[in-house]
Protein backbone atom coordinates (compact mmCIF):
# COMPACT_ATOMS: atom_id res chain seq x y z
CA ASN A 1 115.56 98.27 86.19
CA GLU A 2 117.37 95.22 85.06
CA ARG A 3 118.21 96.57 81.72
CA ASN A 4 121.07 95.44 79.54
CA CYS A 5 122.87 97.58 76.88
CA LEU A 6 120.46 96.37 74.24
CA HIS A 7 117.71 97.72 76.33
CA LYS A 8 119.38 101.08 76.61
CA ALA A 9 120.32 101.34 73.17
CA ALA A 10 116.70 100.59 71.77
CA ILE A 11 115.35 103.30 74.04
CA THR A 12 117.81 106.07 72.82
CA GLY A 13 117.91 104.89 69.13
CA ARG A 14 121.56 103.69 69.06
CA LEU A 15 121.66 101.35 66.18
CA GLU A 16 125.56 101.01 66.24
CA ILE A 17 125.33 99.82 69.80
CA ILE A 18 122.58 97.46 68.96
CA ARG A 19 124.83 95.97 66.18
CA LEU A 20 127.78 95.93 68.55
CA GLY A 21 125.39 94.13 71.03
CA LEU A 22 124.35 91.64 68.86
CA SER A 23 127.41 90.83 67.29
CA SER A 24 128.99 90.10 70.76
CA ASN A 25 125.77 87.88 71.55
CA VAL A 26 124.28 89.84 74.21
CA ASP A 27 120.92 87.95 74.86
CA VAL A 28 117.84 89.84 73.14
CA HIS A 29 115.58 87.70 75.35
CA VAL A 30 116.33 89.31 78.68
CA THR A 31 113.60 91.07 80.37
CA ASP A 32 113.72 94.24 82.35
CA VAL A 33 111.70 94.89 85.46
CA TYR A 34 108.73 95.61 83.08
CA GLY A 35 109.12 92.34 81.50
CA ARG A 36 110.00 94.05 78.47
CA ILE A 37 112.71 93.05 76.06
CA PRO A 38 114.57 95.49 73.70
CA LEU A 39 112.24 95.07 70.76
CA HIS A 40 109.35 96.57 72.85
CA TYR A 41 111.43 99.80 73.33
CA ALA A 42 112.36 99.98 69.74
CA SER A 43 109.01 99.60 68.74
CA MET A 44 107.34 102.08 71.05
CA HIS A 45 109.92 104.75 70.10
CA GLY A 46 109.55 104.29 66.47
CA TYR A 47 113.17 103.09 65.64
CA VAL A 48 112.46 101.02 62.63
CA GLU A 49 116.29 99.99 61.48
CA LEU A 50 116.29 98.82 65.26
CA VAL A 51 113.22 96.88 65.08
CA GLN A 52 114.26 95.06 61.91
CA ALA A 53 117.96 94.36 63.36
CA LEU A 54 116.37 92.82 66.53
CA ILE A 55 113.78 90.72 64.72
CA ASP A 56 116.45 89.76 62.39
CA ALA A 57 118.51 88.54 65.36
CA ALA A 58 115.51 86.67 67.20
CA PRO A 59 112.57 86.11 65.20
CA ASP A 60 110.81 84.34 67.96
CA THR A 61 110.42 87.71 69.75
CA VAL A 62 108.15 89.61 67.49
CA ASN A 63 105.13 88.42 69.69
CA PHE A 64 106.86 88.76 73.06
CA ARG A 65 104.51 89.79 75.95
CA ASP A 66 105.83 92.17 78.71
CA GLN A 67 104.06 92.02 82.19
CA ASP A 68 101.05 94.08 80.78
CA SER A 69 100.51 91.35 77.86
CA PHE A 70 101.73 94.25 75.45
CA THR A 71 103.48 92.96 72.50
CA PRO A 72 105.83 95.11 70.38
CA LEU A 73 102.94 95.66 67.93
CA ILE A 74 100.73 96.84 70.81
CA HIS A 75 103.55 99.45 72.01
CA ALA A 76 103.91 100.61 68.55
CA ILE A 77 100.04 100.82 67.95
CA VAL A 78 99.52 102.71 71.45
CA ARG A 79 102.38 105.29 70.37
CA SER A 80 101.08 105.77 66.58
CA GLN A 81 104.42 104.17 65.10
CA LEU A 82 102.85 103.35 61.64
CA PRO A 83 106.45 102.32 59.99
CA CYS A 84 106.98 100.22 62.84
CA VAL A 85 103.58 98.63 62.76
CA GLN A 86 103.91 97.73 59.22
CA ILE A 87 107.39 95.94 59.75
CA LEU A 88 106.06 93.82 62.66
CA LEU A 89 102.92 92.98 60.76
CA ALA A 90 105.02 91.87 57.70
CA ARG A 91 107.45 89.96 60.23
CA GLY A 92 104.24 87.92 61.71
CA ALA A 93 103.13 89.85 64.67
CA ASP A 94 100.00 88.44 66.05
CA MET A 95 96.54 90.53 65.74
CA SER A 96 94.47 88.10 67.51
CA ARG A 97 93.65 87.80 71.16
CA ILE A 98 94.92 84.74 73.00
CA GLY A 99 92.52 84.84 76.05
CA PRO A 100 89.95 86.53 77.34
CA GLY A 101 91.63 89.14 79.27
CA GLU A 102 94.25 89.85 76.33
CA HIS A 103 94.41 93.19 74.56
CA ILE A 104 93.20 93.44 71.01
CA PRO A 105 95.44 95.38 68.67
CA LEU A 106 92.20 96.89 66.58
CA ASN A 107 90.58 98.01 69.59
CA LEU A 108 93.56 99.61 71.27
CA CYS A 109 93.99 101.38 68.02
CA CYS A 110 90.52 102.92 68.23
CA GLN A 111 91.53 104.81 71.29
CA TYR A 112 95.28 105.65 70.41
CA ALA A 113 96.47 105.27 66.85
CA SER A 114 95.86 106.91 63.61
CA LEU A 115 93.43 106.27 60.49
CA GLU A 116 96.47 104.86 58.55
CA ILE A 117 97.12 102.29 61.35
CA MET A 118 93.51 101.45 61.63
CA GLU A 119 92.86 100.70 58.00
CA LEU A 120 96.33 98.73 57.77
CA LEU A 121 94.84 96.51 60.68
CA LEU A 122 91.52 96.18 59.15
CA GLN A 123 93.08 95.08 55.70
CA ARG A 124 94.89 92.60 57.67
CA SER A 125 91.78 91.11 59.64
CA GLY A 126 88.31 92.52 59.26
CA GLU A 127 87.33 90.58 62.49
CA LEU A 128 85.82 92.79 65.00
CA LEU A 129 85.87 91.60 68.73
CA PRO A 130 84.62 93.14 72.06
CA ASP A 131 87.19 93.95 74.85
CA ALA A 132 87.15 92.93 78.27
CA GLU A 133 84.42 95.22 78.98
CA GLY A 134 82.39 94.23 76.29
CA LEU A 135 82.82 97.20 73.97
CA TYR A 136 83.52 96.84 70.06
CA PRO A 137 85.81 99.05 68.18
CA GLN A 138 82.99 101.32 67.14
CA HIS A 139 81.81 101.70 70.86
CA LEU A 140 85.29 102.65 71.63
CA VAL A 141 85.75 105.33 68.95
CA ALA A 142 82.63 106.93 70.00
CA ARG A 143 83.65 106.74 73.89
CA SER A 144 87.05 108.23 73.27
CA GLY A 145 85.64 110.93 70.71
CA LYS A 146 89.16 111.44 69.19
CA THR A 147 88.92 110.63 65.42
CA PRO A 148 85.11 110.25 64.22
CA GLN A 149 86.55 109.52 60.82
CA MET A 150 87.34 106.03 62.19
CA LEU A 151 83.58 105.25 62.65
CA GLN A 152 83.29 105.78 58.74
CA LEU A 153 86.25 103.45 58.29
CA LEU A 154 84.89 100.84 60.48
CA ARG A 155 81.37 100.83 58.77
CA LYS A 156 83.26 100.48 55.37
CA TYR A 157 84.91 97.40 56.77
CA GLY A 158 81.63 95.98 57.82
CA ALA A 159 81.23 97.19 61.37
CA ASP A 160 77.29 97.75 62.35
CA LEU A 161 77.10 101.21 63.94
CA ASN A 162 74.04 100.19 65.75
CA GLN A 163 75.72 97.25 67.42
CA PRO A 164 74.99 96.90 71.12
CA ASP A 165 77.76 96.50 73.55
CA LYS A 166 77.98 93.65 75.95
CA LEU A 167 78.14 96.01 79.31
CA TYR A 168 74.88 98.06 79.23
CA GLN A 169 73.45 97.17 75.56
CA TRP A 170 74.64 100.62 74.32
CA THR A 171 75.17 101.23 70.58
CA PRO A 172 78.05 103.78 69.73
CA LEU A 173 75.28 106.58 69.65
CA PHE A 174 74.99 106.16 73.65
CA HIS A 175 78.70 106.16 74.18
CA ALA A 176 79.02 109.77 72.13
CA ALA A 177 76.05 111.12 73.69
CA SER A 178 76.97 110.10 77.16
CA GLU A 179 80.64 111.65 76.91
CA GLY A 180 79.55 114.75 75.02
CA HIS A 181 81.47 113.86 71.76
CA VAL A 182 79.75 116.20 69.36
CA GLU A 183 81.53 115.38 66.22
CA CYS A 184 81.34 111.68 66.78
CA LEU A 185 77.68 112.05 67.26
CA LYS A 186 77.29 114.05 64.30
CA THR A 187 78.97 111.41 62.30
CA LEU A 188 76.77 108.55 63.62
CA LEU A 189 73.59 110.57 62.64
CA GLU A 190 75.06 111.23 59.25
CA CYS A 191 75.57 107.46 58.95
CA GLY A 192 71.93 107.08 59.65
CA VAL A 193 72.13 105.16 63.01
CA ASP A 194 69.03 104.43 64.74
CA VAL A 195 68.20 107.10 67.48
CA ASP A 196 65.22 105.53 68.88
CA ILE A 197 67.12 102.29 70.43
CA ILE A 198 67.09 101.80 74.11
CA ASP A 199 69.45 100.05 76.57
CA GLU A 200 68.74 97.63 79.25
CA LYS A 201 67.15 100.15 81.51
CA SER A 202 64.83 101.25 78.60
CA LEU A 203 66.44 104.55 78.40
CA SER A 204 67.63 106.40 75.10
CA ALA A 205 70.64 108.09 74.05
CA MET A 206 69.01 111.43 74.28
CA TYR A 207 68.16 110.78 78.06
CA TYR A 208 71.96 110.24 78.72
CA ALA A 209 73.10 113.32 76.71
CA THR A 210 70.35 115.38 78.79
CA TRP A 211 71.30 113.69 82.10
CA GLU A 212 75.07 114.47 81.78
CA GLY A 213 74.12 118.00 80.35
CA HIS A 214 75.56 117.84 76.96
CA LEU A 215 73.13 120.45 75.41
CA GLU A 216 74.67 120.46 71.94
CA CYS A 217 74.24 116.61 71.80
């Protein structure tokens, strides 16, 4: 798998091996078969001291992208590693998207991470962008159905809960209704979203809830 001792130490959380490797000039920029450097693994496994040591040794690695275009920050977000997210942001981790096919940290947070991480990201940047599918953060929360409270948090930071996506002109209500996510749907209704909006096919959220057989929705 083309990993060196720093990769192995970052995966298993061995700080003493990281320090020994760094003092012996083992290259922190070496990538494994997945295009990942040791900092990727330390971030995804939540090893805070290792993350700090690796960034201190090579500050230029903080935004290094692997073969999936995942930075250390994105790996930390997907694994809900709040302390690592805090450190990476403090050390200059990039929250923006470089190209149209790149991952957006906030959007991935909507599907994988915690409310605490979402608020941290929103505090850093309130910019809400569509992903490669044309879905904004509020659509991703409604579609995943994992944490309805994220909808209220996004609204607090200026998200429009009646925002149509760029895919089918669906609002978050459509996604919640189509997927059968009752709690997300209730949260949206409590926020006063428009239930009469229609999509590009002139169909309503009620239609999709009925079509999919989600009776409670």
